[in-house]
Amino acid sequence: MASSKGYLDFILEQLSELDGVSTRAMMGEYILYVGGKIVGGIYDDRLLVKPTKAARTLMPNAPFELPYEGAKEMLLVDNVDDRAFLTELFRAMARELPTQKPKKKNR
């Protein structure tokens, strides 16, 4: 089941106070970035984030779920209605995630 554009729009509205949030559509799902760093995504209308130290600290009881078959487990964010919490979560995660390395072009 692909994620709905409506759910994506809701999550983006919840994160509207955080600078540098962007998305990329991928096979019916959405990858979420903060400052160019992948923090998580929307999979089957579920907000899943990387299990960083900050995410595990802020959501100690969050269940691990698979975004899709064969992927690494991610943490389910079930508190999506709390705008302040989501902003804090994504800001803390972005601080500890490494910067993406530019992809090399084949020549």
C-alpha atoms as a PDB file:
ATOM      1  CA  MET A   1       0.000   0.000   0.000  1.00  0.00           C
ATOM      2  CA  ALA A   2       1.444   3.371  -0.985  1.00  0.00           C
ATOM      3  CA  SER A   3       1.324   6.367   1.335  1.00  0.00           C
ATOM      4  CA  SER A   4      -1.192   9.122   0.691  1.00  0.00           C
ATOM      5  CA  LYS A   5      -0.260  12.654  -0.305  1.00  0.00           C
ATOM      6  CA  GLY A   6      -2.644  13.833   2.413  1.00  0.00           C
ATOM      7  CA  TYR A   7      -0.629  12.102   5.151  1.00  0.00           C
ATOM      8  CA  LEU A   8       2.594  13.569   3.761  1.00  0.00           C
ATOM      9  CA  ASP A   9       1.032  17.048   3.736  1.00  0.00           C
ATOM     10  CA  PHE A  10      -0.098  16.578   7.367  1.00  0.00           C
ATOM     11  CA  ILE A  11       3.417  15.592   8.510  1.00  0.00           C
ATOM     12  CA  LEU A  12       4.989  18.488   6.591  1.00  0.00           C
ATOM     13  CA  GLU A  13       2.521  20.891   8.205  1.00  0.00           C
ATOM     14  CA  GLN A  14       3.463  19.496  11.627  1.00  0.00           C
ATOM     15  CA  LEU A  15       7.139  20.154  10.800  1.00  0.00           C
ATOM     16  CA  SER A  16       6.537  23.581   9.243  1.00  0.00           C
ATOM     17  CA  GLU A  17       8.452  25.425  11.996  1.00  0.00           C
ATOM     18  CA  LEU A  18      11.620  23.437  11.268  1.00  0.00           C
ATOM     19  CA  ASP A  19      13.916  24.797   8.556  1.00  0.00           C
ATOM     20  CA  GLY A  20      15.418  22.562   5.901  1.00  0.00           C
ATOM     21  CA  VAL A  21      12.712  19.883   5.713  1.00  0.00           C
ATOM     22  CA  SER A  22      12.387  18.296   2.290  1.00  0.00           C
ATOM     23  CA  THR A  23      10.998  15.111   0.785  1.00  0.00           C
ATOM     24  CA  ARG A  24      11.573  12.801  -2.127  1.00  0.00           C
ATOM     25  CA  ALA A  25       8.981  10.438  -3.528  1.00  0.00           C
ATOM     26  CA  MET A  26      10.226   6.885  -3.884  1.00  0.00           C
ATOM     27  CA  MET A  27       8.056   4.015  -5.147  1.00  0.00           C
ATOM     28  CA  GLY A  28       4.841   5.351  -3.609  1.00  0.00           C
ATOM     29  CA  GLU A  29       6.486   6.306  -0.321  1.00  0.00           C
ATOM     30  CA  TYR A  30       8.311   9.448   0.848  1.00  0.00           C
ATOM     31  CA  ILE A  31      11.836   9.937   2.210  1.00  0.00           C
ATOM     32  CA  LEU A  32      12.159  12.783   4.737  1.00  0.00           C
ATOM     33  CA  TYR A  33      15.255  14.982   4.962  1.00  0.00           C
ATOM     34  CA  VAL A  34      16.337  17.696   7.372  1.00  0.00           C
ATOM     35  CA  GLY A  35      19.219  19.810   6.167  1.00  0.00           C
ATOM     36  CA  GLY A  36      19.933  17.282   3.427  1.00  0.00           C
ATOM     37  CA  LYS A  37      20.182  14.411   5.939  1.00  0.00           C
ATOM     38  CA  ILE A  38      17.811  11.443   5.742  1.00  0.00           C
ATOM     39  CA  VAL A  39      15.946  11.210   9.048  1.00  0.00           C
ATOM     40  CA  GLY A  40      13.168   8.830   8.076  1.00  0.00           C
ATOM     41  CA  GLY A  41      10.212   8.448   5.830  1.00  0.00           C
ATOM     42  CA  ILE A  42       6.537   7.831   5.378  1.00  0.00           C
ATOM     43  CA  TYR A  43       5.757   4.196   4.615  1.00  0.00           C
ATOM     44  CA  ASP A  44       2.183   2.892   4.347  1.00  0.00           C
ATOM     45  CA  ASP A  45       0.974   6.102   6.027  1.00  0.00           C
ATOM     46  CA  ARG A  46       3.288   5.516   9.009  1.00  0.00           C
ATOM     47  CA  LEU A  47       6.000   7.952  10.076  1.00  0.00           C
ATOM     48  CA  LEU A  48       9.183   5.943  10.636  1.00  0.00           C
ATOM     49  CA  VAL A  49      12.544   7.397  11.666  1.00  0.00           C
ATOM     50  CA  LYS A  50      16.084   6.110  11.901  1.00  0.00           C
ATOM     51  CA  PRO A  51      16.846   4.610  15.322  1.00  0.00           C
ATOM     52  CA  THR A  52      19.393   7.253  16.301  1.00  0.00           C
ATOM     53  CA  LYS A  53      20.406   7.873  19.899  1.00  0.00           C
ATOM     54  CA  ALA A  54      18.214  10.988  20.005  1.00  0.00           C
ATOM     55  CA  ALA A  55      15.192   9.127  18.632  1.00  0.00           C
ATOM     56  CA  ARG A  56      15.616   6.259  21.107  1.00  0.00           C
ATOM     57  CA  THR A  57      16.008   8.760  23.978  1.00  0.00           C
ATOM     58  CA  LEU A  58      12.937  10.804  23.021  1.00  0.00           C
ATOM     59  CA  MET A  59      10.829   7.701  22.244  1.00  0.00           C
ATOM     60  CA  PRO A  60      12.098   4.975  24.612  1.00  0.00           C
ATOM     61  CA  ASN A  61       9.036   2.765  24.094  1.00  0.00           C
ATOM     62  CA  ALA A  62       8.654   3.190  20.343  1.00  0.00           C
ATOM     63  CA  PRO A  63       8.309  -0.098  18.485  1.00  0.00           C
ATOM     64  CA  PHE A  64      10.679  -1.078  15.704  1.00  0.00           C
ATOM     65  CA  GLU A  65       8.969  -1.671  12.363  1.00  0.00           C
ATOM     66  CA  LEU A  66      10.066  -2.532   8.853  1.00  0.00           C
ATOM     67  CA  PRO A  67       9.361   0.174   6.282  1.00  0.00           C
ATOM     68  CA  TYR A  68       9.310  -2.515   3.580  1.00  0.00           C
ATOM     69  CA  GLU A  69      10.500  -6.084   3.054  1.00  0.00           C
ATOM     70  CA  GLY A  70      14.279  -6.396   3.330  1.00  0.00           C
ATOM     71  CA  ALA A  71      14.855  -2.949   4.868  1.00  0.00           C
ATOM     72  CA  LYS A  72      16.465  -2.088   8.186  1.00  0.00           C
ATOM     73  CA  GLU A  73      14.116  -1.620  11.092  1.00  0.00           C
ATOM     74  CA  MET A  74      13.059   1.908  11.966  1.00  0.00           C
ATOM     75  CA  LEU A  75      11.218   3.465  14.897  1.00  0.00           C
ATOM     76  CA  LEU A  76       7.491   4.141  14.605  1.00  0.00           C
ATOM     77  CA  VAL A  77       6.515   7.686  15.589  1.00  0.00           C
ATOM     78  CA  ASP A  78       3.016   7.431  17.000  1.00  0.00           C
ATOM     79  CA  ASN A  79       2.892  10.946  18.483  1.00  0.00           C
ATOM     80  CA  VAL A  80       2.438  12.722  15.137  1.00  0.00           C
ATOM     81  CA  ASP A  81      -0.225  15.088  16.502  1.00  0.00           C
ATOM     82  CA  ASP A  82       2.311  16.826  18.780  1.00  0.00           C
ATOM     83  CA  ARG A  83       3.946  19.457  16.558  1.00  0.00           C
ATOM     84  CA  ALA A  84       6.466  20.564  19.213  1.00  0.00           C
ATOM     85  CA  PHE A  85       7.565  16.973  19.849  1.00  0.00           C
ATOM     86  CA  LEU A  86       8.048  16.236  16.128  1.00  0.00           C
ATOM     87  CA  THR A  87      10.069  19.414  15.662  1.00  0.00           C
ATOM     88  CA  GLU A  88      12.275  18.555  18.650  1.00  0.00           C
ATOM     89  CA  LEU A  89      12.702  14.953  17.449  1.00  0.00           C
ATOM     90  CA  PHE A  90      13.712  15.882  13.904  1.00  0.00           C
ATOM     91  CA  ARG A  91      15.994  18.712  15.053  1.00  0.00           C
ATOM     92  CA  ALA A  92      17.816  16.421  17.523  1.00  0.00           C
ATOM     93  CA  MET A  93      18.169  13.658  14.939  1.00  0.00           C
ATOM     94  CA  ALA A  94      19.542  16.010  12.283  1.00  0.00           C
ATOM     95  CA  ARG A  95      22.232  17.232  14.682  1.00  0.00           C
ATOM     96  CA  GLU A  96      23.637  13.729  15.171  1.00  0.00           C
ATOM     97  CA  LEU A  97      23.276  12.296  11.662  1.00  0.00           C
ATOM     98  CA  PRO A  98      26.251  12.504   9.306  1.00  0.00           C
ATOM     99  CA  THR A  99      26.141  14.712   6.247  1.00  0.00           C
ATOM    100  CA  GLN A 100      25.321  12.829   3.065  1.00  0.00           C
ATOM    101  CA  LYS A 101      28.310  12.258   0.813  1.00  0.00           C
ATOM    102  CA  PRO A 102      27.808  13.410  -2.778  1.00  0.00           C
ATOM    103  CA  LYS A 103      27.335  10.552  -5.216  1.00  0.00           C
ATOM    104  CA  LYS A 104      30.161   9.924  -7.641  1.00  0.00           C
ATOM    105  CA  LYS A 105      29.292  10.167 -11.300  1.00  0.00           C
ATOM    106  CA  ASN A 106      30.267   7.318 -13.588  1.00  0.00           C
ATOM    107  CA  ARG A 107      32.315   8.415 -16.537  1.00  0.00           C
END
